[in-house]
Amino acid sequence: MIRVDALWLSTRPLDMRAGTETILAQVVRIFGEAQPHHAYLFANRRGTRLKVLVHDGYGVWLANRRLNQGRFQLRPGDGRTGLTRGQFDALILGLPWERLADGGVIRVL
């Protein structure tokens, strides 16, 4: 089993033809470095595909996820954002993961 201590989402679209070395270079460009036991998620422009690069401390793993219907719920941003495990689980299912950020707390009526 691969240990993942932190999950990061790039809000910049990625060409899904990119391989491990290209995505690793993108991680270094956006996040500054590839930390051991961190996972880095990238989506294509249409939001129908995700690639996840995980650094396990010895090397890197690359996984691909595609939705047959719908889109991954992504928002443009400053280039990167941290995710909780719950947000990650919702994101890869195509659910609105941002709503989980505050635990469902209602602040304004």
Protein backbone atom coordinates (compact mmCIF):
# COMPACT_ATOMS: atom_id res chain seq x y z
CA MET A 1 0.00 0.00 0.00
CA ILE A 2 1.27 3.46 -0.85
CA ARG A 3 1.22 5.92 2.06
CA VAL A 4 -0.16 9.36 1.21
CA ASP A 5 0.11 12.05 3.89
CA ALA A 6 -0.98 15.07 1.83
CA LEU A 7 -3.11 15.62 -1.28
CA TRP A 8 -2.62 18.55 -3.63
CA LEU A 9 -4.73 19.69 -6.58
CA SER A 10 -3.37 21.75 -9.44
CA THR A 11 -6.01 24.16 -10.72
CA ARG A 12 -4.13 24.59 -14.00
CA PRO A 13 -5.22 22.21 -16.78
CA LEU A 14 -2.82 19.50 -17.94
CA ASP A 15 -2.46 17.84 -21.34
CA MET A 16 -3.38 14.22 -20.59
CA ARG A 17 -0.80 12.98 -23.09
CA ALA A 18 1.87 14.02 -20.56
CA GLY A 19 3.87 11.20 -19.04
CA THR A 20 5.54 10.74 -15.68
CA GLU A 21 8.56 12.98 -16.32
CA THR A 22 6.47 15.83 -17.74
CA ILE A 23 4.01 15.68 -14.84
CA LEU A 24 6.86 15.51 -12.32
CA ALA A 25 8.32 18.65 -13.90
CA GLN A 26 4.88 20.28 -13.61
CA VAL A 27 4.74 19.34 -9.90
CA VAL A 28 8.11 21.01 -9.32
CA ARG A 29 7.01 24.09 -11.30
CA ILE A 30 3.68 24.52 -9.47
CA PHE A 31 4.38 23.15 -5.99
CA GLY A 32 8.10 23.89 -5.73
CA GLU A 33 9.12 20.26 -5.12
CA ALA A 34 7.77 16.72 -5.03
CA GLN A 35 7.51 15.75 -1.36
CA PRO A 36 7.65 12.07 -0.34
CA HIS A 37 4.25 10.61 0.52
CA HIS A 38 2.37 13.43 -1.22
CA ALA A 39 -0.10 13.00 -4.08
CA TYR A 40 -0.51 15.62 -6.82
CA LEU A 41 -3.71 15.73 -8.90
CA PHE A 42 -4.05 17.27 -12.37
CA ALA A 43 -7.13 17.53 -14.60
CA ASN A 44 -7.57 18.19 -18.29
CA ARG A 45 -9.18 21.40 -19.56
CA ARG A 46 -12.63 19.79 -20.02
CA GLY A 47 -12.57 18.27 -16.53
CA THR A 48 -13.24 14.72 -17.72
CA ARG A 49 -9.88 13.17 -16.81
CA LEU A 50 -7.54 13.24 -13.80
CA LYS A 51 -3.96 12.11 -13.38
CA VAL A 52 -2.48 11.55 -9.95
CA LEU A 53 1.25 11.48 -9.34
CA VAL A 54 2.36 10.01 -5.99
CA HIS A 55 5.91 10.19 -4.66
CA ASP A 56 6.37 7.18 -2.35
CA GLY A 57 9.82 8.12 -1.08
CA TYR A 58 11.65 5.88 -3.58
CA GLY A 59 10.03 6.74 -6.90
CA VAL A 60 6.83 8.01 -8.42
CA TRP A 61 3.52 6.38 -9.32
CA LEU A 62 1.15 7.74 -11.96
CA ALA A 63 -2.55 6.88 -12.06
CA ASN A 64 -5.27 7.97 -14.46
CA ARG A 65 -9.02 8.43 -13.83
CA ARG A 66 -11.70 9.15 -16.43
CA LEU A 67 -15.37 9.96 -15.94
CA ASN A 68 -17.70 8.43 -18.52
CA GLN A 69 -20.41 10.97 -17.67
CA GLY A 70 -20.18 14.41 -16.13
CA ARG A 71 -17.08 16.36 -15.16
CA PHE A 72 -14.74 16.68 -12.24
CA GLN A 73 -15.77 19.74 -10.21
CA LEU A 74 -12.77 22.04 -10.53
CA ARG A 75 -12.40 25.77 -10.09
CA PRO A 76 -9.75 28.07 -11.47
CA GLY A 77 -7.43 29.39 -8.82
CA ASP A 78 -3.89 30.38 -7.95
CA GLY A 79 -2.50 27.16 -9.38
CA ARG A 80 -2.72 24.82 -6.39
CA THR A 81 -4.84 23.89 -3.41
CA GLY A 82 -4.61 21.34 -0.61
CA LEU A 83 -7.26 18.64 -0.23
CA THR A 84 -8.51 16.62 2.70
CA ARG A 85 -9.12 12.90 2.25
CA GLY A 86 -12.89 13.54 2.13
CA GLN A 87 -12.45 16.21 -0.54
CA PHE A 88 -10.23 13.87 -2.57
CA ASP A 89 -12.81 11.06 -2.34
CA ALA A 90 -15.58 13.42 -3.50
CA LEU A 91 -13.44 14.90 -6.29
CA ILE A 92 -12.52 11.58 -7.89
CA LEU A 93 -16.20 10.60 -7.92
CA GLY A 94 -17.11 13.83 -9.70
CA LEU A 95 -18.93 15.28 -6.68
CA PRO A 96 -18.75 18.93 -5.50
CA TRP A 97 -15.73 18.50 -3.21
CA GLU A 98 -15.44 22.20 -2.27
CA ARG A 99 -18.58 21.95 -0.15
CA LEU A 100 -16.72 19.64 2.22
CA ALA A 101 -14.08 22.26 3.07
CA ASP A 102 -15.86 23.66 6.11
CA GLY A 103 -17.59 20.49 7.26
CA GLY A 104 -20.99 21.68 6.04
CA VAL A 105 -21.16 24.63 8.46
CA ILE A 106 -23.76 27.26 7.50
CA ARG A 107 -22.43 30.78 8.16
CA VAL A 108 -24.75 33.10 6.20
CA LEU A 109 -28.50 32.99 5.63
